[in-house]
Amino acid sequence: MERRLHSARIGRFKPLVDYDWSWPEQIDQASVSELMTLQFLQSASNAILVGPSGVGKTTIAQNIAHQAVLQGHTVMFTTAGKLLGELASLDSDSALRTRLRHYARPDLLVVDEVG
């Protein structure tokens, strides 16, 4: 478990138990709870968290990723900048294909800071 948590690169985060559901005012707590069930993984669906800076999208994503690891799924947490920078630095098609397979391998890929 410890190895899987470390390789997921989720980092330190605040548990949803401590999340202030009164801020932001327009958050859909039921949808977040549904995401925490990880049903979207079984249907191979995407979950996209949209909102302004500072409302807790990263915290929610980290909690979803942590829940996935606890349930036995493989997880990778990264930022869009790191992912794109790494892919752009590759100098051959074979290296690019290999790295894309690396990102496609986990059951759950969380890409943070897209906007």
N, C-alpha and C. Protein backbone atom coordinates (compact mmCIF):
# COMPACT_ATOMS: atom_id res chain seq x y z
N MET A 1 0.83 -1.19 0.00
CA MET A 1 0.00 0.00 0.00
C MET A 1 0.87 1.25 0.00
N GLU A 2 1.90 1.23 0.85
CA GLU A 2 2.79 2.39 0.93
C GLU A 2 3.50 2.65 -0.40
N ARG A 3 3.93 1.58 -1.06
CA ARG A 3 4.60 1.72 -2.36
C ARG A 3 3.65 2.30 -3.39
N ARG A 4 2.39 1.81 -3.42
CA ARG A 4 1.42 2.31 -4.39
C ARG A 4 1.08 3.77 -4.12
N LEU A 5 0.96 4.15 -2.85
CA LEU A 5 0.69 5.55 -2.52
C LEU A 5 1.85 6.44 -2.95
N HIS A 6 3.08 5.97 -2.73
CA HIS A 6 4.24 6.75 -3.12
C HIS A 6 4.33 6.89 -4.64
N SER A 7 4.11 5.80 -5.36
CA SER A 7 4.23 5.86 -6.82
C SER A 7 3.10 6.65 -7.47
N ALA A 8 1.98 6.82 -6.76
CA ALA A 8 0.86 7.61 -7.29
C ALA A 8 1.20 9.11 -7.32
N ARG A 9 2.13 9.54 -6.48
CA ARG A 9 2.58 10.95 -6.42
C ARG A 9 1.44 11.91 -6.09
N ILE A 10 0.57 11.49 -5.19
CA ILE A 10 -0.56 12.33 -4.82
C ILE A 10 -0.10 13.51 -3.97
N GLY A 11 0.89 13.31 -3.14
CA GLY A 11 1.39 14.38 -2.28
C GLY A 11 0.52 14.54 -1.04
N ARG A 12 0.83 15.56 -0.27
CA ARG A 12 0.07 15.84 0.95
C ARG A 12 -1.22 16.55 0.58
N PHE A 13 -2.30 16.22 1.28
CA PHE A 13 -3.57 16.84 0.97
C PHE A 13 -4.48 16.82 2.20
N LYS A 14 -5.50 17.66 2.14
CA LYS A 14 -6.48 17.74 3.21
C LYS A 14 -7.59 16.73 2.92
N PRO A 15 -7.92 15.86 3.88
CA PRO A 15 -9.01 14.91 3.66
C PRO A 15 -10.35 15.62 3.47
N LEU A 16 -11.24 15.01 2.72
CA LEU A 16 -12.55 15.62 2.47
C LEU A 16 -13.35 15.81 3.76
N VAL A 17 -13.02 15.05 4.79
CA VAL A 17 -13.69 15.23 6.08
C VAL A 17 -13.48 16.65 6.59
N ASP A 18 -12.31 17.23 6.29
CA ASP A 18 -11.98 18.58 6.74
C ASP A 18 -12.32 19.65 5.71
N TYR A 19 -12.91 19.27 4.57
CA TYR A 19 -13.23 20.21 3.50
C TYR A 19 -14.38 21.11 3.93
N ASP A 20 -14.28 22.39 3.65
CA ASP A 20 -15.32 23.37 3.99
C ASP A 20 -16.35 23.39 2.86
N TRP A 21 -17.44 22.65 3.05
CA TRP A 21 -18.47 22.53 2.02
C TRP A 21 -19.29 23.81 1.87
N SER A 22 -19.12 24.76 2.76
CA SER A 22 -19.85 26.03 2.62
C SER A 22 -19.12 26.98 1.67
N TRP A 23 -17.88 26.66 1.32
CA TRP A 23 -17.11 27.45 0.37
C TRP A 23 -16.47 26.51 -0.63
N PRO A 24 -16.65 26.65 -1.86
CA PRO A 24 -17.46 27.64 -2.56
C PRO A 24 -18.94 27.31 -2.45
N GLU A 25 -19.76 28.32 -2.66
CA GLU A 25 -21.20 28.17 -2.45
C GLU A 25 -21.86 27.27 -3.49
N GLN A 26 -21.30 27.12 -4.67
CA GLN A 26 -21.96 26.39 -5.74
C GLN A 26 -21.41 24.98 -5.96
N ILE A 27 -20.71 24.42 -5.00
CA ILE A 27 -20.17 23.08 -5.19
C ILE A 27 -21.28 22.04 -5.06
N ASP A 28 -21.21 21.03 -5.90
CA ASP A 28 -22.20 19.96 -5.90
C ASP A 28 -21.64 18.80 -5.07
N GLN A 29 -21.95 18.81 -3.78
CA GLN A 29 -21.40 17.82 -2.86
C GLN A 29 -21.84 16.40 -3.25
N ALA A 30 -23.03 16.25 -3.77
CA ALA A 30 -23.51 14.93 -4.19
C ALA A 30 -22.67 14.38 -5.34
N SER A 31 -22.29 15.23 -6.27
CA SER A 31 -21.45 14.79 -7.39
C SER A 31 -20.06 14.38 -6.91
N VAL A 32 -19.51 15.13 -5.97
CA VAL A 32 -18.21 14.78 -5.41
C VAL A 32 -18.30 13.44 -4.69
N SER A 33 -19.36 13.25 -3.93
CA SER A 33 -19.56 11.96 -3.24
C SER A 33 -19.67 10.82 -4.23
N GLU A 34 -20.34 11.06 -5.34
CA GLU A 34 -20.46 10.04 -6.38
C GLU A 34 -19.11 9.72 -6.99
N LEU A 35 -18.29 10.74 -7.22
CA LEU A 35 -16.94 10.51 -7.75
C LEU A 35 -16.11 9.68 -6.78
N MET A 36 -16.31 9.87 -5.49
CA MET A 36 -15.55 9.13 -4.49
C MET A 36 -15.90 7.64 -4.50
N THR A 37 -17.01 7.24 -5.10
CA THR A 37 -17.36 5.82 -5.22
C THR A 37 -16.55 5.16 -6.33
N LEU A 38 -15.94 5.95 -7.20
CA LEU A 38 -15.08 5.49 -8.30
C LEU A 38 -15.84 4.71 -9.36
N GLN A 39 -17.14 4.89 -9.46
CA GLN A 39 -17.93 4.22 -10.49
C GLN A 39 -17.49 4.62 -11.89
N PHE A 40 -16.98 5.83 -12.04
CA PHE A 40 -16.54 6.31 -13.35
C PHE A 40 -15.36 5.49 -13.88
N LEU A 41 -14.60 4.85 -12.99
CA LEU A 41 -13.50 4.00 -13.45
C LEU A 41 -14.02 2.74 -14.12
N GLN A 42 -15.09 2.19 -13.62
CA GLN A 42 -15.65 0.96 -14.19
C GLN A 42 -16.21 1.19 -15.58
N SER A 43 -16.74 2.38 -15.82
CA SER A 43 -17.30 2.68 -17.14
C SER A 43 -16.28 3.38 -18.05
N ALA A 44 -15.04 3.50 -17.58
CA ALA A 44 -13.97 4.17 -18.33
C ALA A 44 -14.38 5.57 -18.76
N SER A 45 -15.01 6.30 -17.84
CA SER A 45 -15.43 7.68 -18.09
C SER A 45 -14.40 8.65 -17.52
N ASN A 46 -14.48 9.88 -17.96
CA ASN A 46 -13.62 10.93 -17.45
C ASN A 46 -14.40 11.78 -16.45
N ALA A 47 -13.70 12.26 -15.45
CA ALA A 47 -14.27 13.20 -14.51
C ALA A 47 -13.47 14.49 -14.63
N ILE A 48 -14.16 15.59 -14.83
CA ILE A 48 -13.49 16.88 -14.99
C ILE A 48 -14.01 17.83 -13.93
N LEU A 49 -13.11 18.38 -13.14
CA LEU A 49 -13.47 19.35 -12.11
C LEU A 49 -13.17 20.74 -12.65
N VAL A 50 -14.19 21.58 -12.71
CA VAL A 50 -14.06 22.90 -13.30
C VAL A 50 -14.45 23.94 -12.26
N GLY A 51 -13.67 25.00 -12.18
CA GLY A 51 -13.99 26.09 -11.27
C GLY A 51 -12.83 27.05 -11.19
N PRO A 52 -13.05 28.20 -10.56
CA PRO A 52 -11.98 29.18 -10.43
C PRO A 52 -10.88 28.70 -9.47
N SER A 53 -9.79 29.39 -9.48
CA SER A 53 -8.66 29.07 -8.62
C SER A 53 -9.05 29.18 -7.15
N GLY A 54 -8.58 28.23 -6.35
CA GLY A 54 -8.74 28.31 -4.91
C GLY A 54 -10.02 27.73 -4.34
N VAL A 55 -10.78 26.97 -5.13
CA VAL A 55 -12.04 26.43 -4.61
C VAL A 55 -11.93 24.97 -4.17
N GLY A 56 -10.78 24.35 -4.37
CA GLY A 56 -10.58 23.00 -3.86
C GLY A 56 -10.58 21.89 -4.89
N LYS A 57 -10.41 22.21 -6.16
CA LYS A 57 -10.40 21.17 -7.19
C LYS A 57 -9.25 20.18 -6.97
N THR A 58 -8.08 20.69 -6.64
CA THR A 58 -6.93 19.82 -6.41
C THR A 58 -7.16 18.93 -5.19
N THR A 59 -7.70 19.49 -4.13
CA THR A 59 -7.98 18.70 -2.92
C THR A 59 -8.96 17.58 -3.22
N ILE A 60 -10.00 17.88 -3.97
CA ILE A 60 -10.97 16.85 -4.34
C ILE A 60 -10.32 15.79 -5.21
N ALA A 61 -9.52 16.20 -6.19
CA ALA A 61 -8.83 15.26 -7.07
C ALA A 61 -7.87 14.37 -6.28
N GLN A 62 -7.15 14.94 -5.34
CA GLN A 62 -6.23 14.16 -4.51
C GLN A 62 -6.98 13.14 -3.67
N ASN A 63 -8.13 13.51 -3.14
CA ASN A 63 -8.94 12.59 -2.36
C ASN A 63 -9.48 11.45 -3.22
N ILE A 64 -9.90 11.76 -4.43
CA ILE A 64 -10.37 10.71 -5.35
C ILE A 64 -9.22 9.76 -5.67
N ALA A 65 -8.04 10.31 -5.95
CA ALA A 65 -6.87 9.48 -6.26
C ALA A 65 -6.51 8.60 -5.06
N HIS A 66 -6.54 9.17 -3.87
CA HIS A 66 -6.21 8.41 -2.66
C HIS A 66 -7.22 7.27 -2.46
N GLN A 67 -8.48 7.56 -2.67
CA GLN A 67 -9.52 6.53 -2.55
C GLN A 67 -9.28 5.41 -3.55
N ALA A 68 -8.88 5.76 -4.75
CA ALA A 68 -8.61 4.76 -5.79
C ALA A 68 -7.45 3.85 -5.37
N VAL A 69 -6.40 4.43 -4.81
CA VAL A 69 -5.27 3.62 -4.34
C VAL A 69 -5.73 2.68 -3.22
N LEU A 70 -6.52 3.21 -2.30
CA LEU A 70 -7.01 2.38 -1.19
C LEU A 70 -7.87 1.22 -1.68
N GLN A 71 -8.54 1.40 -2.80
CA GLN A 71 -9.38 0.34 -3.36
C GLN A 71 -8.62 -0.57 -4.32
N GLY A 72 -7.29 -0.40 -4.39
CA GLY A 72 -6.47 -1.32 -5.18
C GLY A 72 -6.19 -0.91 -6.61
N HIS A 73 -6.58 0.29 -6.99
CA HIS A 73 -6.32 0.76 -8.36
C HIS A 73 -4.93 1.38 -8.45
N THR A 74 -4.37 1.34 -9.65
CA THR A 74 -3.12 2.06 -9.88
C THR A 74 -3.47 3.50 -10.26
N VAL A 75 -2.67 4.43 -9.75
CA VAL A 75 -2.97 5.86 -9.91
C VAL A 75 -1.69 6.61 -10.23
N MET A 76 -1.83 7.63 -11.08
CA MET A 76 -0.74 8.57 -11.31
C MET A 76 -1.32 9.98 -11.24
N PHE A 77 -0.72 10.82 -10.41
CA PHE A 77 -1.14 12.21 -10.24
C PHE A 77 -0.02 13.09 -10.78
N THR A 78 -0.35 13.97 -11.71
CA THR A 78 0.64 14.86 -12.29
C THR A 78 -0.02 16.18 -12.65
N THR A 79 0.79 17.14 -13.03
CA THR A 79 0.25 18.41 -13.51
C THR A 79 0.32 18.43 -15.03
N ALA A 80 -0.52 19.24 -15.64
CA ALA A 80 -0.52 19.36 -17.09
C ALA A 80 0.82 19.89 -17.58
N GLY A 81 1.39 20.84 -16.87
CA GLY A 81 2.68 21.40 -17.27
C GLY A 81 3.78 20.37 -17.27
N LYS A 82 3.83 19.54 -16.24
CA LYS A 82 4.85 18.50 -16.16
C LYS A 82 4.65 17.47 -17.27
N LEU A 83 3.42 17.04 -17.46
CA LEU A 83 3.11 16.05 -18.49
C LEU A 83 3.49 16.56 -19.87
N LEU A 84 3.04 17.75 -20.22
CA LEU A 84 3.33 18.31 -21.55
C LEU A 84 4.81 18.62 -21.73
N GLY A 85 5.44 19.12 -20.68
CA GLY A 85 6.87 19.40 -20.76
C GLY A 85 7.69 18.14 -21.00
N GLU A 86 7.30 17.08 -20.30
CA GLU A 86 8.00 15.82 -20.48
C GLU A 86 7.80 15.26 -21.88
N LEU A 87 6.57 15.31 -22.37
CA LEU A 87 6.30 14.79 -23.72
C LEU A 87 6.99 15.64 -24.79
N ALA A 88 7.02 16.95 -24.59
CA ALA A 88 7.64 17.83 -25.58
C ALA A 88 9.15 17.66 -25.63
N SER A 89 9.75 17.22 -24.54
CA SER A 89 11.21 17.09 -24.50
C SER A 89 11.71 15.82 -25.18
N LEU A 90 10.82 14.91 -25.51
CA LEU A 90 11.24 13.65 -26.13
C LEU A 90 11.62 13.89 -27.59
N ASP A 91 12.69 13.24 -28.02
CA ASP A 91 13.23 13.53 -29.34
C ASP A 91 12.96 12.46 -30.40
N SER A 92 12.25 11.41 -30.04
CA SER A 92 11.97 10.39 -31.05
C SER A 92 10.54 9.88 -30.91
N ASP A 93 10.01 9.37 -32.00
CA ASP A 93 8.65 8.84 -31.98
C ASP A 93 8.54 7.65 -31.03
N SER A 94 9.56 6.81 -30.99
CA SER A 94 9.50 5.63 -30.12
C SER A 94 9.52 6.04 -28.65
N ALA A 95 10.30 7.06 -28.31
CA ALA A 95 10.34 7.54 -26.92
C ALA A 95 8.99 8.16 -26.56
N LEU A 96 8.38 8.87 -27.49
CA LEU A 96 7.07 9.47 -27.24
C LEU A 96 6.01 8.38 -27.02
N ARG A 97 6.02 7.37 -27.87
CA ARG A 97 5.06 6.27 -27.72
C ARG A 97 5.24 5.55 -26.38
N THR A 98 6.50 5.34 -26.00
CA THR A 98 6.79 4.69 -24.72
C THR A 98 6.27 5.52 -23.56
N ARG A 99 6.49 6.82 -23.62
CA ARG A 99 6.05 7.70 -22.53
C ARG A 99 4.53 7.81 -22.49
N LEU A 100 3.88 7.85 -23.65
CA LEU A 100 2.42 7.88 -23.68
C LEU A 100 1.85 6.60 -23.07
N ARG A 101 2.48 5.47 -23.33
CA ARG A 101 2.04 4.21 -22.70
C ARG A 101 2.20 4.29 -21.19
N HIS A 102 3.27 4.94 -20.74
CA HIS A 102 3.50 5.13 -19.30
C HIS A 102 2.33 5.89 -18.68
N TYR A 103 1.86 6.93 -19.34
CA TYR A 103 0.74 7.72 -18.81
C TYR A 103 -0.60 7.01 -18.97
N ALA A 104 -0.71 6.12 -19.94
CA ALA A 104 -1.97 5.40 -20.17
C ALA A 104 -2.08 4.14 -19.30
N ARG A 105 -1.02 3.72 -18.69
CA ARG A 105 -0.98 2.47 -17.94
C ARG A 105 -1.83 2.46 -16.66
N PRO A 106 -1.82 3.50 -15.83
CA PRO A 106 -2.57 3.41 -14.57
C PRO A 106 -4.08 3.36 -14.80
N ASP A 107 -4.78 2.81 -13.81
CA ASP A 107 -6.24 2.78 -13.87
C ASP A 107 -6.82 4.20 -13.82
N LEU A 108 -6.15 5.08 -13.08
CA LEU A 108 -6.60 6.46 -12.94
C LEU A 108 -5.43 7.41 -13.16
N LEU A 109 -5.57 8.29 -14.14
CA LEU A 109 -4.59 9.35 -14.38
C LEU A 109 -5.25 10.66 -14.01
N VAL A 110 -4.66 11.36 -13.04
CA VAL A 110 -5.18 12.66 -12.62
C VAL A 110 -4.22 13.73 -13.16
N VAL A 111 -4.76 14.62 -13.99
CA VAL A 111 -3.96 15.71 -14.56
C VAL A 111 -4.49 17.00 -13.93
N ASP A 112 -3.67 17.60 -13.10
CA ASP A 112 -4.04 18.80 -12.35
C ASP A 112 -3.52 20.04 -13.06
N GLU A 113 -4.10 21.18 -12.73
CA GLU A 113 -3.66 22.49 -13.24
C GLU A 113 -3.73 22.57 -14.76
N VAL A 114 -4.81 22.08 -15.34
CA VAL A 114 -4.96 22.11 -16.79
C VAL A 114 -5.17 23.54 -17.26
N GLY A 115 -5.96 24.31 -16.53
CA GLY A 115 -6.30 25.66 -16.94
C GLY A 115 -5.21 26.63 -16.66
